[in-house]
């Protein structure tokens, strides 16, 4: 049996006289994967993304938070530094995530029930689950 391609292996590479050579990017595009369902991968990724459910605080936890908020209000002029863990609802699906932020308190907006830090972060007081003075 004859070696594979022995009769053509040493022939020169064919170059068309009528068509310009294809760029490497265009040649590569011929073999790139085809996405038949655009957005499908994003939908699968979004479905698989996990969120936490907001936990309801018990009476003891609420009592501790109320005491901490009262202490914070008494020392608000000193702009105390705190560490706050609060719930951030997810914009796309039910649930959300618990986030911890640290900073100096600028003011407390009682009407809107917001805790405002000096860096501009606005934290809803009803979403706070833990607060510590640093």
Protein backbone atom coordinates (compact mmCIF):
# COMPACT_ATOMS: atom_id res chain seq x y z
CA UNK A 1 0.00 0.00 0.00
CA UNK A 2 1.20 3.47 -0.90
CA UNK A 3 1.84 6.10 1.85
CA UNK A 4 -1.06 8.48 2.44
CA UNK A 5 -1.06 11.58 0.21
CA UNK A 6 2.37 10.69 -1.21
CA UNK A 7 1.24 11.74 -4.69
CA UNK A 8 0.21 15.31 -3.65
CA UNK A 9 2.21 16.13 -0.54
CA UNK A 10 5.02 17.91 -2.38
CA UNK A 11 2.84 19.91 -4.80
CA UNK A 12 2.84 23.73 -4.39
CA UNK A 13 -0.04 25.40 -2.51
CA UNK A 14 -2.83 26.54 -4.86
CA UNK A 15 -3.36 30.31 -5.13
CA UNK A 16 -6.47 31.60 -6.95
CA UNK A 17 -5.93 34.02 -9.80
CA UNK A 18 -9.47 35.42 -9.63
CA UNK A 19 -10.21 35.72 -5.89
CA UNK A 20 -8.28 37.64 -3.23
CA UNK A 21 -6.86 35.59 -0.35
CA UNK A 22 -9.13 35.33 2.70
CA UNK A 23 -7.93 36.96 5.91
CA UNK A 24 -7.09 34.75 8.89
CA UNK A 25 -10.01 36.26 10.88
CA UNK A 26 -12.49 35.44 8.11
CA UNK A 27 -11.14 31.90 7.85
CA UNK A 28 -11.43 31.44 11.61
CA UNK A 29 -15.02 32.77 11.57
CA UNK A 30 -16.03 29.88 9.32
CA UNK A 31 -15.27 27.46 12.12
CA UNK A 32 -16.56 29.46 15.10
CA UNK A 33 -19.43 27.94 17.11
CA UNK A 34 -22.96 28.87 16.15
CA UNK A 35 -25.41 30.02 18.83
CA UNK A 36 -28.83 28.96 17.60
CA UNK A 37 -30.61 30.43 20.62
CA UNK A 38 -29.22 33.87 21.39
CA UNK A 39 -29.55 34.73 25.07
CA UNK A 40 -30.09 31.11 26.09
CA UNK A 41 -26.74 30.88 27.91
CA UNK A 42 -27.51 34.09 29.80
CA UNK A 43 -30.93 32.76 30.81
CA UNK A 44 -29.40 29.53 32.10
CA UNK A 45 -26.74 31.46 34.05
CA UNK A 46 -29.42 33.73 35.58
CA UNK A 47 -31.55 30.76 36.59
CA UNK A 48 -28.56 29.09 38.23
CA UNK A 49 -27.55 32.23 40.15
CA UNK A 50 -28.34 31.77 43.83
CA UNK A 51 -29.96 34.37 46.05
CA UNK A 52 -30.61 34.40 49.78
CA UNK A 53 -34.06 34.76 51.27
CA UNK A 54 -34.57 37.65 53.66
CA UNK A 55 -34.79 36.31 57.18
CA UNK A 56 -37.22 37.89 59.61
CA UNK A 57 -35.55 39.12 62.78
CA UNK A 58 -36.85 37.83 66.08
CA UNK A 59 -38.03 40.07 68.92
CA UNK A 60 -34.72 39.78 70.77
CA UNK A 61 -32.73 40.79 67.69
CA UNK A 62 -35.05 43.74 67.06
CA UNK A 63 -34.66 44.87 70.69
CA UNK A 64 -30.85 44.79 70.34
CA UNK A 65 -31.01 46.73 67.06
CA UNK A 66 -33.35 49.33 68.59
CA UNK A 67 -30.90 49.83 71.47
CA UNK A 68 -28.00 50.17 69.04
CA UNK A 69 -29.94 52.70 66.94
CA UNK A 70 -30.70 54.75 70.09
CA UNK A 71 -27.00 54.75 71.02
CA UNK A 72 -26.16 55.75 67.46
CA UNK A 73 -28.62 58.65 67.59
CA UNK A 74 -27.09 59.84 70.91
CA UNK A 75 -23.60 59.92 69.34
CA UNK A 76 -24.57 61.06 65.85
CA UNK A 77 -22.72 64.38 66.21
CA UNK A 78 -19.45 62.42 66.63
CA UNK A 79 -20.02 60.60 63.30
CA UNK A 80 -19.27 57.16 64.78
CA UNK A 81 -17.74 54.43 62.64
CA UNK A 82 -19.92 51.36 62.32
CA UNK A 83 -20.06 48.01 60.60
CA UNK A 84 -23.53 47.19 59.26
CA UNK A 85 -24.85 43.97 57.77
CA UNK A 86 -28.02 44.47 55.76
CA UNK A 87 -30.16 42.77 53.13
CA UNK A 88 -30.04 43.99 49.51
CA UNK A 89 -32.95 42.74 47.37
CA UNK A 90 -32.07 41.29 43.96
CA UNK A 91 -33.29 43.34 41.02
CA UNK A 92 -34.05 40.35 38.78
CA UNK A 93 -35.44 37.59 40.94
CA UNK A 94 -36.82 36.92 44.40
CA UNK A 95 -34.39 37.02 47.27
CA UNK A 96 -31.17 38.97 47.46
CA UNK A 97 -27.88 39.05 49.35
CA UNK A 98 -26.59 40.05 52.75
CA UNK A 99 -23.92 42.75 52.50
CA UNK A 100 -21.62 44.16 55.16
CA UNK A 101 -20.51 47.78 54.93
CA UNK A 102 -18.21 49.78 57.14
CA UNK A 103 -18.00 53.54 57.43
CA UNK A 104 -18.74 56.69 59.37
CA UNK A 105 -22.35 57.70 59.83
CA UNK A 106 -23.19 61.03 58.22
CA UNK A 107 -26.84 61.20 59.27
CA UNK A 108 -29.97 59.21 60.00
CA UNK A 109 -33.08 60.07 58.03
CA UNK A 110 -35.96 59.12 60.34
CA UNK A 111 -38.68 59.98 57.82
CA UNK A 112 -37.33 57.68 55.06
CA UNK A 113 -35.77 55.33 57.64
CA UNK A 114 -32.33 55.53 56.04
CA UNK A 115 -28.89 55.27 57.55
CA UNK A 116 -26.56 57.46 55.45
CA UNK A 117 -22.80 56.95 55.59
CA UNK A 118 -20.22 59.61 54.73
CA UNK A 119 -19.30 57.81 51.48
CA UNK A 120 -22.92 58.31 50.30
CA UNK A 121 -24.14 54.78 50.93
CA UNK A 122 -27.83 54.79 51.90
CA UNK A 123 -28.92 51.78 53.95
CA UNK A 124 -32.61 51.14 54.71
CA UNK A 125 -32.89 50.77 58.47
CA UNK A 126 -35.56 48.07 58.07
CA UNK A 127 -33.05 45.87 56.18
CA UNK A 128 -30.31 46.06 58.85
CA UNK A 129 -29.77 42.73 60.60
CA UNK A 130 -26.60 43.53 62.54
CA UNK A 131 -24.74 46.66 63.57
CA UNK A 132 -21.48 47.08 65.48
CA UNK A 133 -19.62 50.17 66.61
CA UNK A 134 -16.02 50.03 65.44
